[in-house]
C-alpha atoms as a PDB file:
ATOM      1  CA  MET A   1      -5.967 157.269  14.639  1.00  0.00           C
ATOM      2  CA  SER A   2      -2.769 159.073  15.008  1.00  0.00           C
ATOM      3  CA  THR A   3      -0.321 161.799  17.189  1.00  0.00           C
ATOM      4  CA  SER A   4       2.585 161.371  15.384  1.00  0.00           C
ATOM      5  CA  THR A   5       3.570 164.606  14.601  1.00  0.00           C
ATOM      6  CA  SER A   6       6.274 162.899  11.998  1.00  0.00           C
ATOM      7  CA  ILE A   7       4.449 162.070   8.983  1.00  0.00           C
ATOM      8  CA  PRO A   8       5.772 164.015   5.925  1.00  0.00           C
ATOM      9  CA  GLN A   9       3.470 167.203   4.881  1.00  0.00           C
ATOM     10  CA  GLU A  10       4.501 165.895   1.426  1.00  0.00           C
ATOM     11  CA  MET A  11       2.510 162.702   2.176  1.00  0.00           C
ATOM     12  CA  LEU A  12      -0.746 165.037   3.583  1.00  0.00           C
ATOM     13  CA  ASP A  13      -0.642 167.361   0.630  1.00  0.00           C
ATOM     14  CA  ASN A  14      -1.457 164.914  -1.600  1.00  0.00           C
ATOM     15  CA  HIS A  15      -3.791 161.857  -0.212  1.00  0.00           C
ATOM     16  CA  PRO A  16      -5.603 160.443  -2.029  1.00  0.00           C
ATOM     17  CA  ASP A  17      -8.915 161.612  -0.796  1.00  0.00           C
ATOM     18  CA  ARG A  18      -8.023 165.160  -1.054  1.00  0.00           C
ATOM     19  CA  PHE A  19     -10.616 165.535  -3.445  1.00  0.00           C
ATOM     20  CA  ALA A  20     -12.936 163.998  -2.217  1.00  0.00           C
ATOM     21  CA  LEU A  21     -11.806 165.880   1.108  1.00  0.00           C
ATOM     22  CA  ALA A  22     -11.891 168.881  -0.220  1.00  0.00           C
ATOM     23  CA  ARG A  23     -15.602 168.589  -1.917  1.00  0.00           C
ATOM     24  CA  ILE A  24     -16.869 167.773   0.873  1.00  0.00           C
ATOM     25  CA  GLY A  25     -15.937 170.258   3.144  1.00  0.00           C
ATOM     26  CA  ALA A  26     -16.788 172.758   1.229  1.00  0.00           C
ATOM     27  CA  GLN A  27     -20.840 170.957   0.605  1.00  0.00           C
ATOM     28  CA  VAL A  28     -21.058 170.774   4.759  1.00  0.00           C
ATOM     29  CA  ARG A  29     -19.164 175.018   4.988  1.00  0.00           C
ATOM     30  CA  GLY A  30     -21.952 175.841   2.896  1.00  0.00           C
ATOM     31  CA  ARG A  31     -24.969 173.995   4.357  1.00  0.00           C
ATOM     32  CA  LEU A  32     -23.804 174.827   7.896  1.00  0.00           C
ATOM     33  CA  ALA A  33     -22.963 178.614   6.916  1.00  0.00           C
ATOM     34  CA  ALA A  34     -26.693 178.800   6.062  1.00  0.00           C
ATOM     35  CA  ASN A  35     -27.642 177.567   9.215  1.00  0.00           C
ATOM     36  CA  PRO A  36     -28.903 180.042  11.632  1.00  0.00           C
ATOM     37  CA  ALA A  37     -28.241 177.085  14.721  1.00  0.00           C
ATOM     38  CA  VAL A  38     -24.850 177.146  13.675  1.00  0.00           C
ATOM     39  CA  TYR A  39     -22.299 178.873  15.248  1.00  0.00           C
ATOM     40  CA  GLN A  40     -18.389 178.307  14.558  1.00  0.00           C
ATOM     41  CA  LEU A  41     -15.771 178.651  16.665  1.00  0.00           C
ATOM     42  CA  PRO A  42     -13.635 181.382  17.207  1.00  0.00           C
ATOM     43  CA  THR A  43     -10.172 179.672  14.911  1.00  0.00           C
ATOM     44  CA  GLU A  44      -9.184 179.522  11.444  1.00  0.00           C
ATOM     45  CA  LYS A  45      -7.089 176.915  11.850  1.00  0.00           C
ATOM     46  CA  ALA A  46      -9.422 174.315  11.874  1.00  0.00           C
ATOM     47  CA  GLU A  47     -13.539 174.063  11.049  1.00  0.00           C
ATOM     48  CA  ILE A  48     -15.469 173.539  13.968  1.00  0.00           C
ATOM     49  CA  TYR A  49     -18.619 174.028  14.487  1.00  0.00           C
ATOM     50  CA  ALA A  50     -21.314 173.579  17.558  1.00  0.00           C
ATOM     51  CA  VAL A  51     -24.902 173.542  18.056  1.00  0.00           C
ATOM     52  CA  GLY A  52     -26.241 173.952  21.041  1.00  0.00           C
ATOM     53  CA  ASP A  53     -29.860 172.384  21.994  1.00  0.00           C
ATOM     54  CA  PHE A  54     -29.952 169.052  19.121  1.00  0.00           C
ATOM     55  CA  LEU A  55     -30.892 167.203  21.415  1.00  0.00           C
ATOM     56  CA  ASP A  56     -33.555 167.192  24.482  1.00  0.00           C
ATOM     57  CA  GLN A  57     -32.776 165.707  27.649  1.00  0.00           C
ATOM     58  CA  ARG A  58     -35.208 162.441  27.083  1.00  0.00           C
ATOM     59  CA  GLU A  59     -32.477 161.666  23.889  1.00  0.00           C
ATOM     60  CA  CYS A  60     -29.605 162.334  25.978  1.00  0.00           C
ATOM     61  CA  ARG A  61     -31.419 159.959  28.275  1.00  0.00           C
ATOM     62  CA  LYS A  62     -32.255 157.135  26.124  1.00  0.00           C
ATOM     63  CA  LEU A  63     -29.151 157.574  24.295  1.00  0.00           C
ATOM     64  CA  ILE A  64     -26.947 156.961  28.093  1.00  0.00           C
ATOM     65  CA  GLU A  65     -29.448 153.763  28.544  1.00  0.00           C
ATOM     66  CA  LEU A  66     -28.268 152.659  25.046  1.00  0.00           C
ATOM     67  CA  VAL A  67     -24.600 153.210  25.497  1.00  0.00           C
ATOM     68  CA  ASN A  68     -24.421 151.362  29.195  1.00  0.00           C
ATOM     69  CA  ALA A  69     -25.668 148.238  27.375  1.00  0.00           C
ATOM     70  CA  VAL A  70     -22.303 147.834  24.732  1.00  0.00           C
ATOM     71  CA  ALA A  71     -20.014 149.764  26.711  1.00  0.00           C
ATOM     72  CA  GLU A  72     -16.965 148.004  27.470  1.00  0.00           C
ATOM     73  CA  PRO A  73     -12.835 149.047  27.663  1.00  0.00           C
ATOM     74  CA  SER A  74     -12.766 150.873  25.154  1.00  0.00           C
ATOM     75  CA  LYS A  75     -10.021 149.985  22.045  1.00  0.00           C
ATOM     76  CA  THR A  76      -7.790 152.060  19.389  1.00  0.00           C
ATOM     77  CA  PHE A  77      -5.687 152.490  16.270  1.00  0.00           C
ATOM     78  CA  GLU A  78      -2.361 151.388  15.962  1.00  0.00           C
ATOM     79  CA  MET A  79       0.058 154.057  15.767  1.00  0.00           C
ATOM     80  CA  ASP A  80       1.206 155.007  13.040  1.00  0.00           C
ATOM     81  CA  ASP A  81       4.521 153.606  13.221  1.00  0.00           C
ATOM     82  CA  GLY A  82       2.759 150.244  13.979  1.00  0.00           C
ATOM     83  CA  LYS A  83       3.041 150.873  17.773  1.00  0.00           C
ATOM     84  CA  VAL A  84       0.604 150.119  20.225  1.00  0.00           C
ATOM     85  CA  TYR A  85      -0.797 153.346  21.867  1.00  0.00           C
ATOM     86  CA  GLY A  86       0.431 152.874  25.841  1.00  0.00           C
ATOM     87  CA  PRO A  87      -2.455 151.220  28.343  1.00  0.00           C
ATOM     88  CA  ARG A  88      -3.154 154.831  29.671  1.00  0.00           C
ATOM     89  CA  HIS A  89      -3.871 156.945  25.956  1.00  0.00           C
ATOM     90  CA  ARG A  90      -7.247 156.746  25.976  1.00  0.00           C
ATOM     91  CA  THR A  91      -9.110 154.433  28.993  1.00  0.00           C
ATOM     92  CA  SER A  92     -13.046 155.287  29.100  1.00  0.00           C
ATOM     93  CA  TYR A  93     -15.934 152.790  28.102  1.00  0.00           C
ATOM     94  CA  SER A  94     -17.361 151.801  24.320  1.00  0.00           C
ATOM     95  CA  GLY A  95     -19.365 150.165  22.185  1.00  0.00           C
ATOM     96  CA  ASN A  96     -20.916 150.648  18.953  1.00  0.00           C
ATOM     97  CA  VAL A  97     -24.858 150.443  19.356  1.00  0.00           C
ATOM     98  CA  ASP A  98     -27.021 148.914  16.828  1.00  0.00           C
ATOM     99  CA  PRO A  99     -27.576 151.140  13.877  1.00  0.00           C
ATOM    100  CA  TRP A 100     -31.275 149.180  13.192  1.00  0.00           C
ATOM    101  CA  ASP A 101     -32.565 151.052  16.246  1.00  0.00           C
ATOM    102  CA  PRO A 102     -35.766 152.729  15.269  1.00  0.00           C
ATOM    103  CA  PHE A 103     -34.615 155.202  17.706  1.00  0.00           C
ATOM    104  CA  ILE A 104     -30.383 155.582  16.821  1.00  0.00           C
ATOM    105  CA  ARG A 105     -32.184 155.826  12.866  1.00  0.00           C
ATOM    106  CA  LYS A 106     -33.714 158.771  14.114  1.00  0.00           C
ATOM    107  CA  VAL A 107     -30.994 160.350  15.535  1.00  0.00           C
ATOM    108  CA  GLN A 108     -28.494 159.993  12.741  1.00  0.00           C
ATOM    109  CA  ARG A 109     -30.858 160.828  10.438  1.00  0.00           C
ATOM    110  CA  ARG A 110     -30.506 164.238  12.009  1.00  0.00           C
ATOM    111  CA  ILE A 111     -26.984 164.453  12.587  1.00  0.00           C
ATOM    112  CA  ASP A 112     -27.006 163.357   7.891  1.00  0.00           C
ATOM    113  CA  ASP A 113     -29.428 165.936   6.968  1.00  0.00           C
ATOM    114  CA  LEU A 114     -27.416 168.291   9.502  1.00  0.00           C
ATOM    115  CA  LEU A 115     -24.256 168.337   7.575  1.00  0.00           C
ATOM    116  CA  GLY A 116     -26.000 166.984   4.217  1.00  0.00           C
ATOM    117  CA  ILE A 117     -23.622 164.473   3.802  1.00  0.00           C
ATOM    118  CA  ASP A 118     -24.660 160.999   2.507  1.00  0.00           C
ATOM    119  CA  PRO A 119     -25.409 158.140   5.128  1.00  0.00           C
ATOM    120  CA  ALA A 120     -23.935 155.291   3.520  1.00  0.00           C
ATOM    121  CA  PHE A 121     -20.718 157.528   4.327  1.00  0.00           C
ATOM    122  CA  GLY A 122     -21.929 157.943   7.746  1.00  0.00           C
ATOM    123  CA  GLU A 123     -19.693 155.016   9.840  1.00  0.00           C
ATOM    124  CA  THR A 124     -22.189 153.241  12.866  1.00  0.00           C
ATOM    125  CA  VAL A 125     -22.913 155.839  15.919  1.00  0.00           C
ATOM    126  CA  GLN A 126     -19.895 154.947  18.979  1.00  0.00           C
ATOM    127  CA  GLY A 127     -21.101 155.720  22.809  1.00  0.00           C
ATOM    128  CA  GLN A 128     -18.742 156.636  24.879  1.00  0.00           C
ATOM    129  CA  ARG A 129     -18.575 156.259  28.789  1.00  0.00           C
ATOM    130  CA  TYR A 130     -15.270 157.781  30.697  1.00  0.00           C
ATOM    131  CA  GLU A 131     -15.018 157.134  34.637  1.00  0.00           C
ATOM    132  CA  VAL A 132     -13.877 159.528  37.527  1.00  0.00           C
ATOM    133  CA  GLY A 133      -9.551 159.636  36.089  1.00  0.00           C
ATOM    134  CA  GLN A 134     -10.465 158.354  32.915  1.00  0.00           C
ATOM    135  CA  GLU A 135      -9.465 159.911  29.446  1.00  0.00           C
ATOM    136  CA  PHE A 136      -8.601 160.152  25.684  1.00  0.00           C
ATOM    137  CA  ARG A 137      -5.078 161.492  25.263  1.00  0.00           C
ATOM    138  CA  SER A 138      -3.950 163.799  22.277  1.00  0.00           C
ATOM    139  CA  HIS A 139      -5.100 161.928  18.995  1.00  0.00           C
ATOM    140  CA  PHE A 140      -6.488 162.794  16.116  1.00  0.00           C
ATOM    141  CA  ASP A 141      -9.969 161.286  13.903  1.00  0.00           C
ATOM    142  CA  TRP A 142      -7.948 160.889  10.434  1.00  0.00           C
ATOM    143  CA  PHE A 143      -6.210 158.760   9.405  1.00  0.00           C
ATOM    144  CA  PRO A 144      -2.162 158.699   8.554  1.00  0.00           C
ATOM    145  CA  PRO A 145      -1.233 157.312   5.516  1.00  0.00           C
ATOM    146  CA  THR A 146       1.720 156.194   6.259  1.00  0.00           C
ATOM    147  CA  ALA A 147       0.665 153.509   9.421  1.00  0.00           C
ATOM    148  CA  HIS A 148      -0.003 149.707   8.408  1.00  0.00           C
ATOM    149  CA  TYR A 149      -4.013 149.884   8.740  1.00  0.00           C
ATOM    150  CA  TRP A 150      -4.753 152.694   6.407  1.00  0.00           C
ATOM    151  CA  PRO A 151      -4.402 150.840   2.699  1.00  0.00           C
ATOM    152  CA  LYS A 152      -7.617 148.770   4.137  1.00  0.00           C
ATOM    153  CA  GLU A 153      -8.902 151.639   5.931  1.00  0.00           C
ATOM    154  CA  GLN A 154      -8.830 153.414   2.774  1.00  0.00           C
ATOM    155  CA  LYS A 155     -11.241 149.956   0.175  1.00  0.00           C
ATOM    156  CA  ARG A 156     -13.705 150.840   3.190  1.00  0.00           C
ATOM    157  CA  GLY A 157     -14.615 154.342   2.378  1.00  0.00           C
ATOM    158  CA  GLY A 158     -11.139 156.206   2.797  1.00  0.00           C
ATOM    159  CA  GLN A 159     -10.683 158.889   4.834  1.00  0.00           C
ATOM    160  CA  ARG A 160     -12.515 159.935   7.510  1.00  0.00           C
ATOM    161  CA  SER A 161     -13.813 163.695   6.546  1.00  0.00           C
ATOM    162  CA  TYR A 162     -15.932 164.757   9.482  1.00  0.00           C
ATOM    163  CA  THR A 163     -16.345 164.370  12.891  1.00  0.00           C
ATOM    164  CA  ALA A 164     -20.125 164.899  14.947  1.00  0.00           C
ATOM    165  CA  MET A 165     -20.100 164.435  18.167  1.00  0.00           C
ATOM    166  CA  VAL A 166     -23.079 165.140  20.840  1.00  0.00           C
ATOM    167  CA  PHE A 167     -22.515 165.544  24.794  1.00  0.00           C
ATOM    168  CA  LEU A 168     -24.956 163.667  26.809  1.00  0.00           C
ATOM    169  CA  ASN A 169     -24.832 165.119  29.866  1.00  0.00           C
ATOM    170  CA  ASP A 170     -23.110 167.705  33.037  1.00  0.00           C
ATOM    171  CA  VAL A 171     -20.100 166.385  33.756  1.00  0.00           C
ATOM    172  CA  GLU A 172     -19.184 167.887  37.494  1.00  0.00           C
ATOM    173  CA  GLU A 173     -16.107 168.165  37.254  1.00  0.00           C
ATOM    174  CA  GLY A 174     -13.591 167.647  34.515  1.00  0.00           C
ATOM    175  CA  GLY A 175     -14.227 165.724  30.798  1.00  0.00           C
ATOM    176  CA  THR A 176     -13.575 168.422  28.500  1.00  0.00           C
ATOM    177  CA  THR A 177     -12.962 168.572  25.031  1.00  0.00           C
ATOM    178  CA  ASP A 178      -9.936 169.986  24.114  1.00  0.00           C
ATOM    179  CA  PHE A 179      -8.251 170.764  20.941  1.00  0.00           C
ATOM    180  CA  THR A 180      -4.302 170.959  22.322  1.00  0.00           C
ATOM    181  CA  GLY A 181      -3.413 172.621  19.439  1.00  0.00           C
ATOM    182  CA  ILE A 182      -5.408 175.977  19.249  1.00  0.00           C
ATOM    183  CA  GLY A 183      -6.103 175.880  22.569  1.00  0.00           C
ATOM    184  CA  LEU A 184     -10.008 176.000  22.760  1.00  0.00           C
ATOM    185  CA  SER A 185     -11.586 173.412  25.455  1.00  0.00           C
ATOM    186  CA  VAL A 186     -15.172 172.431  24.832  1.00  0.00           C
ATOM    187  CA  GLU A 187     -17.284 171.391  28.497  1.00  0.00           C
ATOM    188  CA  PRO A 188     -20.110 168.894  27.988  1.00  0.00           C
ATOM    189  CA  LYS A 189     -23.656 170.397  28.102  1.00  0.00           C
ATOM    190  CA  PRO A 190     -26.047 168.098  27.457  1.00  0.00           C
ATOM    191  CA  GLY A 191     -27.475 167.791  23.814  1.00  0.00           C
ATOM    192  CA  ALA A 192     -25.136 170.003  22.803  1.00  0.00           C
ATOM    193  CA  LEU A 193     -23.455 168.974  18.808  1.00  0.00           C
ATOM    194  CA  LEU A 194     -19.534 169.472  18.571  1.00  0.00           C
ATOM    195  CA  MET A 195     -18.569 169.369  14.555  1.00  0.00           C
ATOM    196  CA  TRP A 196     -15.479 169.314  12.682  1.00  0.00           C
ATOM    197  CA  ASN A 197     -13.742 168.658   9.283  1.00  0.00           C
ATOM    198  CA  ASN A 198     -10.434 166.643   9.895  1.00  0.00           C
ATOM    199  CA  ALA A 199      -9.024 168.273   6.915  1.00  0.00           C
ATOM    200  CA  THR A 200      -8.486 171.968   5.496  1.00  0.00           C
ATOM    201  CA  PRO A 201     -10.361 172.812   3.369  1.00  0.00           C
ATOM    202  CA  GLU A 202      -7.756 171.785   0.267  1.00  0.00           C
ATOM    203  CA  GLY A 203      -8.558 168.638   1.533  1.00  0.00           C
ATOM    204  CA  VAL A 204      -5.457 168.241   3.413  1.00  0.00           C
ATOM    205  CA  PRO A 205      -5.576 165.730   6.636  1.00  0.00           C
ATOM    206  CA  ASN A 206      -5.390 168.835   8.839  1.00  0.00           C
ATOM    207  CA  ARG A 207      -3.303 168.522  11.842  1.00  0.00           C
ATOM    208  CA  TRP A 208      -4.817 171.311  13.690  1.00  0.00           C
ATOM    209  CA  THR A 209      -7.531 168.843  14.811  1.00  0.00           C
ATOM    210  CA  LEU A 210      -6.101 167.186  17.865  1.00  0.00           C
ATOM    211  CA  HIS A 211      -7.467 166.563  20.252  1.00  0.00           C
ATOM    212  CA  ALA A 212      -8.320 165.420  23.922  1.00  0.00           C
ATOM    213  CA  GLY A 213     -10.484 163.854  25.916  1.00  0.00           C
ATOM    214  CA  THR A 214      -9.380 164.787  28.905  1.00  0.00           C
ATOM    215  CA  PRO A 215     -10.242 162.775  32.897  1.00  0.00           C
ATOM    216  CA  VAL A 216     -12.984 163.376  34.754  1.00  0.00           C
ATOM    217  CA  VAL A 217     -12.369 164.317  37.991  1.00  0.00           C
ATOM    218  CA  LYS A 218     -15.796 164.560  39.637  1.00  0.00           C
ATOM    219  CA  GLY A 219     -19.295 162.483  37.738  1.00  0.00           C
ATOM    220  CA  THR A 220     -19.573 160.394  34.759  1.00  0.00           C
ATOM    221  CA  LYS A 221     -19.604 161.470  30.830  1.00  0.00           C
ATOM    222  CA  TYR A 222     -21.174 160.478  28.493  1.00  0.00           C
ATOM    223  CA  ILE A 223     -20.866 161.033  24.632  1.00  0.00           C
ATOM    224  CA  ILE A 224     -21.608 159.716  21.088  1.00  0.00           C
ATOM    225  CA  THR A 225     -19.531 159.955  18.313  1.00  0.00           C
ATOM    226  CA  LYS A 226     -20.499 159.696  14.134  1.00  0.00           C
ATOM    227  CA  TRP A 227     -17.412 159.868  12.099  1.00  0.00           C
ATOM    228  CA  TYR A 228     -17.553 160.072   8.573  1.00  0.00           C
ATOM    229  CA  ARG A 229     -15.677 158.582   5.717  1.00  0.00           C
ATOM    230  CA  CYS A 230     -15.402 159.880   1.861  1.00  0.00           C
ATOM    231  CA  ARG A 231     -17.255 157.409   0.353  1.00  0.00           C
ATOM    232  CA  LYS A 232     -19.242 154.504   0.957  1.00  0.00           C
ATOM    233  CA  TRP A 233     -18.963 152.953   4.496  1.00  0.00           C
ATOM    234  CA  GLY A 234     -18.385 149.126   5.048  1.00  0.00           C
END
């Protein structure tokens, strides 16, 4: 993950996964447009979608239990210049849930089916817990091609195409997901699914997808996140 704006646009325009990103974006765009349960957030700078009641309360409670079982202090990728994020950049707890758990497999299939992306392209679902004062400052989900870890990620599935995030509970205050360059702020609502294309329709990693998990002021925030690559992950 990166926050850098120093990546030359030419490098993004000529990204090696550009055609794959464009193909997946077109496929998902058409599928979501045909689904009446999906609505698109009001911006022309990025493709951001939501479903209001993707999971029910029982499913959210079950996922919260599973997140609590694996949560540990969150880690991040290094910045694209090789420096590490500061200790306050991501202060949440997170962990990958068991991908073979029957309940997790059912949730994964529902996300896969909604987006229409090959399940083999999906990373393991990650659960995240934010307590009071915890946050994830502005970052991209896509990998900067200047990063030292990019060659490794390219071999194990390539660029991240789509992000799918499900909110699991109400938060008393704070904890919004903000697309900082666009000015969009999404409040956590239990069961709501938020999705976005990490690239432009042309397949270029999209700088307007810069986003942040803002600090929780009161309560606790739980989410799960699933990222999709351009090819088979792993």
